C-alpha atoms as a PDB file:
ATOM      1  CA  UNK A   1       0.013  -0.037   0.112  1.00  0.00           C
ATOM      2  CA  UNK A   2       1.096   3.594  -0.752  1.00  0.00           C
ATOM      3  CA  UNK A   3      -0.002   6.943   0.362  1.00  0.00           C
ATOM      4  CA  UNK A   4       0.139   9.374  -2.206  1.00  0.00           C
ATOM      5  CA  UNK A   5      -0.775  13.388  -2.417  1.00  0.00           C
ATOM      6  CA  UNK A   6      -2.986  14.801  -4.977  1.00  0.00           C
ATOM      7  CA  UNK A   7      -1.079  15.436  -6.885  1.00  0.00           C
ATOM      8  CA  UNK A   8      -2.137  15.175 -11.386  1.00  0.00           C
ATOM      9  CA  UNK A   9       1.054  13.091 -11.529  1.00  0.00           C
ATOM     10  CA  UNK A  10      -0.750  10.449  -9.449  1.00  0.00           C
ATOM     11  CA  UNK A  11      -4.185  10.606 -10.124  1.00  0.00           C
ATOM     12  CA  UNK A  12      -3.991  10.048 -13.971  1.00  0.00           C
ATOM     13  CA  UNK A  13      -5.896   6.956 -15.115  1.00  0.00           C
ATOM     14  CA  UNK A  14      -2.543   5.969 -16.768  1.00  0.00           C
ATOM     15  CA  UNK A  15      -1.115   5.957 -12.624  1.00  0.00           C
ATOM     16  CA  UNK A  16      -3.869   3.919 -11.764  1.00  0.00           C
ATOM     17  CA  UNK A  17      -3.927   1.671 -14.160  1.00  0.00           C
ATOM     18  CA  UNK A  18       0.071   0.964 -13.143  1.00  0.00           C
ATOM     19  CA  UNK A  19      -1.114   0.171  -9.529  1.00  0.00           C
ATOM     20  CA  UNK A  20      -4.068  -2.020 -10.101  1.00  0.00           C
ATOM     21  CA  UNK A  21      -1.745  -4.196 -12.980  1.00  0.00           C
ATOM     22  CA  UNK A  22       0.851  -4.465 -10.360  1.00  0.00           C
ATOM     23  CA  UNK A  23      -1.796  -5.255  -7.119  1.00  0.00           C
ATOM     24  CA  UNK A  24      -0.810  -2.135  -5.469  1.00  0.00           C
ATOM     25  CA  UNK A  25      -3.549  -0.274  -3.606  1.00  0.00           C
ATOM     26  CA  UNK A  26      -3.197   2.745  -3.272  1.00  0.00           C
ATOM     27  CA  UNK A  27      -5.003   5.673  -1.165  1.00  0.00           C
ATOM     28  CA  UNK A  28      -4.420  10.003  -1.411  1.00  0.00           C
ATOM     29  CA  UNK A  29      -3.826  12.353   1.121  1.00  0.00           C
ATOM     30  CA  UNK A  30      -6.791  14.991   2.296  1.00  0.00           C
ATOM     31  CA  UNK A  31      -6.378  18.126   0.080  1.00  0.00           C
ATOM     32  CA  UNK A  32      -4.207  20.974   1.314  1.00  0.00           C
ATOM     33  CA  UNK A  33      -3.183  18.995   4.566  1.00  0.00           C
ATOM     34  CA  UNK A  34       0.414  17.131   3.629  1.00  0.00           C
ATOM     35  CA  UNK A  35       2.212  18.075   6.587  1.00  0.00           C
ATOM     36  CA  UNK A  36      -0.843  16.886   8.898  1.00  0.00           C
ATOM     37  CA  UNK A  37      -0.612  13.485   7.619  1.00  0.00           C
ATOM     38  CA  UNK A  38       2.813  13.125   6.404  1.00  0.00           C
ATOM     39  CA  UNK A  39       4.836  15.536   8.725  1.00  0.00           C
ATOM     40  CA  UNK A  40       8.349  13.496   8.150  1.00  0.00           C
ATOM     41  CA  UNK A  41       8.600  13.079   4.955  1.00  0.00           C
ATOM     42  CA  UNK A  42       7.402  16.524   4.374  1.00  0.00           C
ATOM     43  CA  UNK A  43       9.898  18.029   6.374  1.00  0.00           C
ATOM     44  CA  UNK A  44      12.777  15.976   4.546  1.00  0.00           C
ATOM     45  CA  UNK A  45      11.389  17.079   1.739  1.00  0.00           C
ATOM     46  CA  UNK A  46      11.633  20.521   2.483  1.00  0.00           C
ATOM     47  CA  UNK A  47      15.776  20.102   4.004  1.00  0.00           C
ATOM     48  CA  UNK A  48      16.664  18.411   0.903  1.00  0.00           C
ATOM     49  CA  UNK A  49      15.235  21.195  -1.194  1.00  0.00           C
ATOM     50  CA  UNK A  50      16.552  24.171   0.968  1.00  0.00           C
ATOM     51  CA  UNK A  51      20.364  21.743   1.216  1.00  0.00           C
ATOM     52  CA  UNK A  52      19.535  21.975  -2.871  1.00  0.00           C
ATOM     53  CA  UNK A  53      19.017  25.495  -3.343  1.00  0.00           C
ATOM     54  CA  UNK A  54      22.188  26.467  -0.693  1.00  0.00           C
ATOM     55  CA  UNK A  55      24.585  24.259  -2.961  1.00  0.00           C
ATOM     56  CA  UNK A  56      23.682  25.752  -6.459  1.00  0.00           C
ATOM     57  CA  UNK A  57      23.449  29.049  -4.530  1.00  0.00           C
ATOM     58  CA  UNK A  58      27.220  28.719  -3.367  1.00  0.00           C
ATOM     59  CA  UNK A  59      28.431  27.161  -6.575  1.00  0.00           C
ATOM     60  CA  UNK A  60      27.002  30.509  -8.467  1.00  0.00           C
ATOM     61  CA  UNK A  61      24.573  28.359 -10.715  1.00  0.00           C
ATOM     62  CA  UNK A  62      22.169  30.893 -13.030  1.00  0.00           C
ATOM     63  CA  UNK A  63      18.419  31.170 -10.764  1.00  0.00           C
ATOM     64  CA  UNK A  64      17.190  29.032 -13.550  1.00  0.00           C
ATOM     65  CA  UNK A  65      18.237  25.719 -11.568  1.00  0.00           C
ATOM     66  CA  UNK A  66      17.311  26.994  -7.923  1.00  0.00           C
ATOM     67  CA  UNK A  67      13.779  25.338  -7.316  1.00  0.00           C
ATOM     68  CA  UNK A  68      10.781  26.782  -7.051  1.00  0.00           C
ATOM     69  CA  UNK A  69       8.222  26.454  -4.151  1.00  0.00           C
END
């Protein structure tokens, strides 16, 4: 079983078909409440994005490479 946010990449018919074919039971979080339902992974994702932004900035890469939030 996997729990996913309601991003369009996960709610598409292709994604549902893939999970069904593979026998994967999937559930979706409540819209606009990911921090309450999956706080640990949300904090980890934020930490990774902040570290990535810092590394890109320190290496003087173009702002086009800096992830947007």
